[in-house]
Amino acid sequence: MIITKELFKEKINDILIVQFSATWCGPCKSLSKTIEAINADLANPIYKMDIDDHQELASTLNIRSVPALIRFENGNEVNRIIGNRSADVLKKFAS
C-alpha cells in the first residue's frame, strides 16, 4: 500500500510502519513482494513510500539506505530495520 505525505502526517500519531524504498532498488522489490504477500495478515499494515518522490521526508528521517522499515508510535520512531527481511521478521516487526 502506497502512502502519501498527507496520509503519513495523518497516521503518524497512531502506529505506522513504512517501507522506504526506490524503484531502482533490487532488494526493495523483493521486500515489497514479501510485504504484499503477508500485509493482509498483519496487525498493523506496512505502507510503502518512494524516497525519490519524497526526498525531503527521507532526508528528515535520515534514510541513508533502502529498503528501510521504520515503525512509528505516537509520532515517534520506535524501531528501524534496514535491508530485505523474511516474512517472519516482518510479522514480528509489525505486531
C-alpha atoms as a PDB file:
ATOM      1  CA  MET A   1       0.000   0.000   0.000  1.00  0.00           C
ATOM      2  CA  ILE A   2       1.460   3.301  -1.087  1.00  0.00           C
ATOM      3  CA  ILE A   3       1.403   6.115   1.457  1.00  0.00           C
ATOM      4  CA  THR A   4       1.368   9.772   0.530  1.00  0.00           C
ATOM      5  CA  LYS A   5       2.961  12.545   2.542  1.00  0.00           C
ATOM      6  CA  GLU A   6      -0.522  13.701   3.579  1.00  0.00           C
ATOM      7  CA  LEU A   7      -1.585  10.243   4.781  1.00  0.00           C
ATOM      8  CA  PHE A   8       1.780   9.899   6.535  1.00  0.00           C
ATOM      9  CA  LYS A   9       1.067  13.078   8.511  1.00  0.00           C
ATOM     10  CA  GLU A  10      -2.431  11.827   9.333  1.00  0.00           C
ATOM     11  CA  LYS A  11      -1.358   8.356  10.552  1.00  0.00           C
ATOM     12  CA  ILE A  12       1.928   9.261  12.283  1.00  0.00           C
ATOM     13  CA  ASN A  13       0.201   9.720  15.645  1.00  0.00           C
ATOM     14  CA  ASP A  14      -1.005   6.108  15.650  1.00  0.00           C
ATOM     15  CA  ILE A  15       1.064   3.018  14.917  1.00  0.00           C
ATOM     16  CA  LEU A  16       2.530   3.478  11.453  1.00  0.00           C
ATOM     17  CA  ILE A  17       5.012   1.218   9.678  1.00  0.00           C
ATOM     18  CA  VAL A  18       6.594   2.457   6.470  1.00  0.00           C
ATOM     19  CA  GLN A  19       8.888   0.762   3.992  1.00  0.00           C
ATOM     20  CA  PHE A  20      11.074   3.412   2.414  1.00  0.00           C
ATOM     21  CA  SER A  21      12.202   2.200  -0.988  1.00  0.00           C
ATOM     22  CA  ALA A  22      13.149   3.196  -4.521  1.00  0.00           C
ATOM     23  CA  THR A  23      12.138   1.853  -7.915  1.00  0.00           C
ATOM     24  CA  TRP A  24      15.789   1.241  -8.859  1.00  0.00           C
ATOM     25  CA  CYS A  25      16.477  -0.865  -5.729  1.00  0.00           C
ATOM     26  CA  GLY A  26      16.534  -4.650  -6.254  1.00  0.00           C
ATOM     27  CA  PRO A  27      16.230  -5.618  -2.566  1.00  0.00           C
ATOM     28  CA  CYS A  28      13.303  -3.168  -2.274  1.00  0.00           C
ATOM     29  CA  LYS A  29      11.425  -5.046  -4.994  1.00  0.00           C
ATOM     30  CA  SER A  30      11.982  -8.362  -3.233  1.00  0.00           C
ATOM     31  CA  LEU A  31      10.905  -6.942   0.127  1.00  0.00           C
ATOM     32  CA  SER A  32       7.813  -5.393  -1.465  1.00  0.00           C
ATOM     33  CA  LYS A  33       6.750  -8.814  -2.775  1.00  0.00           C
ATOM     34  CA  THR A  34       7.118 -10.327   0.696  1.00  0.00           C
ATOM     35  CA  ILE A  35       5.140  -7.490   2.262  1.00  0.00           C
ATOM     36  CA  GLU A  36       2.383  -7.778  -0.352  1.00  0.00           C
ATOM     37  CA  ALA A  37       2.079 -11.493   0.416  1.00  0.00           C
ATOM     38  CA  ILE A  38       1.631 -11.002   4.186  1.00  0.00           C
ATOM     39  CA  ASN A  39       0.210  -7.472   4.565  1.00  0.00           C
ATOM     40  CA  ALA A  40      -3.417  -8.608   4.862  1.00  0.00           C
ATOM     41  CA  ASP A  41      -2.490 -10.796   7.843  1.00  0.00           C
ATOM     42  CA  LEU A  42      -0.574  -8.132   9.800  1.00  0.00           C
ATOM     43  CA  ALA A  43      -1.987  -6.391  12.859  1.00  0.00           C
ATOM     44  CA  ASN A  44      -0.528  -3.141  11.506  1.00  0.00           C
ATOM     45  CA  PRO A  45      -0.149  -2.845   7.731  1.00  0.00           C
ATOM     46  CA  ILE A  46       3.161  -1.861   6.192  1.00  0.00           C
ATOM     47  CA  TYR A  47       2.913   1.128   3.891  1.00  0.00           C
ATOM     48  CA  LYS A  48       5.390   1.955   1.142  1.00  0.00           C
ATOM     49  CA  MET A  49       6.962   5.309   0.287  1.00  0.00           C
ATOM     50  CA  ASP A  50       9.372   6.014  -2.584  1.00  0.00           C
ATOM     51  CA  ILE A  51      12.320   8.099  -1.378  1.00  0.00           C
ATOM     52  CA  ASP A  52      12.773   9.640  -4.820  1.00  0.00           C
ATOM     53  CA  ASP A  53       9.225  11.004  -4.710  1.00  0.00           C
ATOM     54  CA  HIS A  54       9.574  12.182  -1.096  1.00  0.00           C
ATOM     55  CA  GLN A  55      13.191  13.300  -0.821  1.00  0.00           C
ATOM     56  CA  GLU A  56      12.556  15.937   1.837  1.00  0.00           C
ATOM     57  CA  LEU A  57      10.855  13.493   4.211  1.00  0.00           C
ATOM     58  CA  ALA A  58      13.503  10.827   3.559  1.00  0.00           C
ATOM     59  CA  SER A  59      16.185  13.361   4.403  1.00  0.00           C
ATOM     60  CA  THR A  60      14.370  14.496   7.546  1.00  0.00           C
ATOM     61  CA  LEU A  61      14.115  10.872   8.703  1.00  0.00           C
ATOM     62  CA  ASN A  62      17.786  10.253   7.875  1.00  0.00           C
ATOM     63  CA  ILE A  63      17.105   7.485   5.359  1.00  0.00           C
ATOM     64  CA  ARG A  64      20.596   6.599   4.103  1.00  0.00           C
ATOM     65  CA  SER A  65      19.958   3.198   2.536  1.00  0.00           C
ATOM     66  CA  VAL A  66      16.974   1.295   1.228  1.00  0.00           C
ATOM     67  CA  PRO A  67      14.982  -0.682   1.891  1.00  0.00           C
ATOM     68  CA  ALA A  68      14.413   0.794   5.314  1.00  0.00           C
ATOM     69  CA  LEU A  69      11.438  -0.035   7.519  1.00  0.00           C
ATOM     70  CA  ILE A  70      10.505   2.375  10.274  1.00  0.00           C
ATOM     71  CA  ARG A  71       7.890   1.838  12.948  1.00  0.00           C
ATOM     72  CA  PHE A  72       6.337   4.976  14.406  1.00  0.00           C
ATOM     73  CA  GLU A  73       4.184   5.095  17.525  1.00  0.00           C
ATOM     74  CA  ASN A  74       2.532   8.280  18.754  1.00  0.00           C
ATOM     75  CA  GLY A  75       4.571  10.354  16.316  1.00  0.00           C
ATOM     76  CA  ASN A  76       7.948   8.927  17.336  1.00  0.00           C
ATOM     77  CA  GLU A  77      10.261   6.461  15.651  1.00  0.00           C
ATOM     78  CA  VAL A  78      10.485   3.394  17.882  1.00  0.00           C
ATOM     79  CA  ASN A  79      12.242   0.880  15.636  1.00  0.00           C
ATOM     80  CA  ARG A  80      14.108   0.713  12.339  1.00  0.00           C
ATOM     81  CA  ILE A  81      15.439  -2.142  10.247  1.00  0.00           C
ATOM     82  CA  ILE A  82      17.494  -1.903   7.082  1.00  0.00           C
ATOM     83  CA  GLY A  83      17.601  -4.396   4.222  1.00  0.00           C
ATOM     84  CA  ASN A  84      15.490  -7.217   2.916  1.00  0.00           C
ATOM     85  CA  ARG A  85      13.907  -9.351   5.668  1.00  0.00           C
ATOM     86  CA  SER A  86      11.936 -12.586   5.909  1.00  0.00           C
ATOM     87  CA  ALA A  87       8.178 -12.743   6.370  1.00  0.00           C
ATOM     88  CA  ASP A  88       8.680 -13.903   9.973  1.00  0.00           C
ATOM     89  CA  VAL A  89      10.834 -10.869  10.821  1.00  0.00           C
ATOM     90  CA  LEU A  90       8.291  -8.554   9.198  1.00  0.00           C
ATOM     91  CA  LYS A  91       5.416 -10.125  11.141  1.00  0.00           C
ATOM     92  CA  LYS A  92       7.242  -9.566  14.435  1.00  0.00           C
ATOM     93  CA  PHE A  93       8.151  -6.009  13.430  1.00  0.00           C
ATOM     94  CA  ALA A  94       4.509  -5.210  12.609  1.00  0.00           C
ATOM     95  CA  SER A  95       2.983  -6.772  15.734  1.00  0.00           C
END
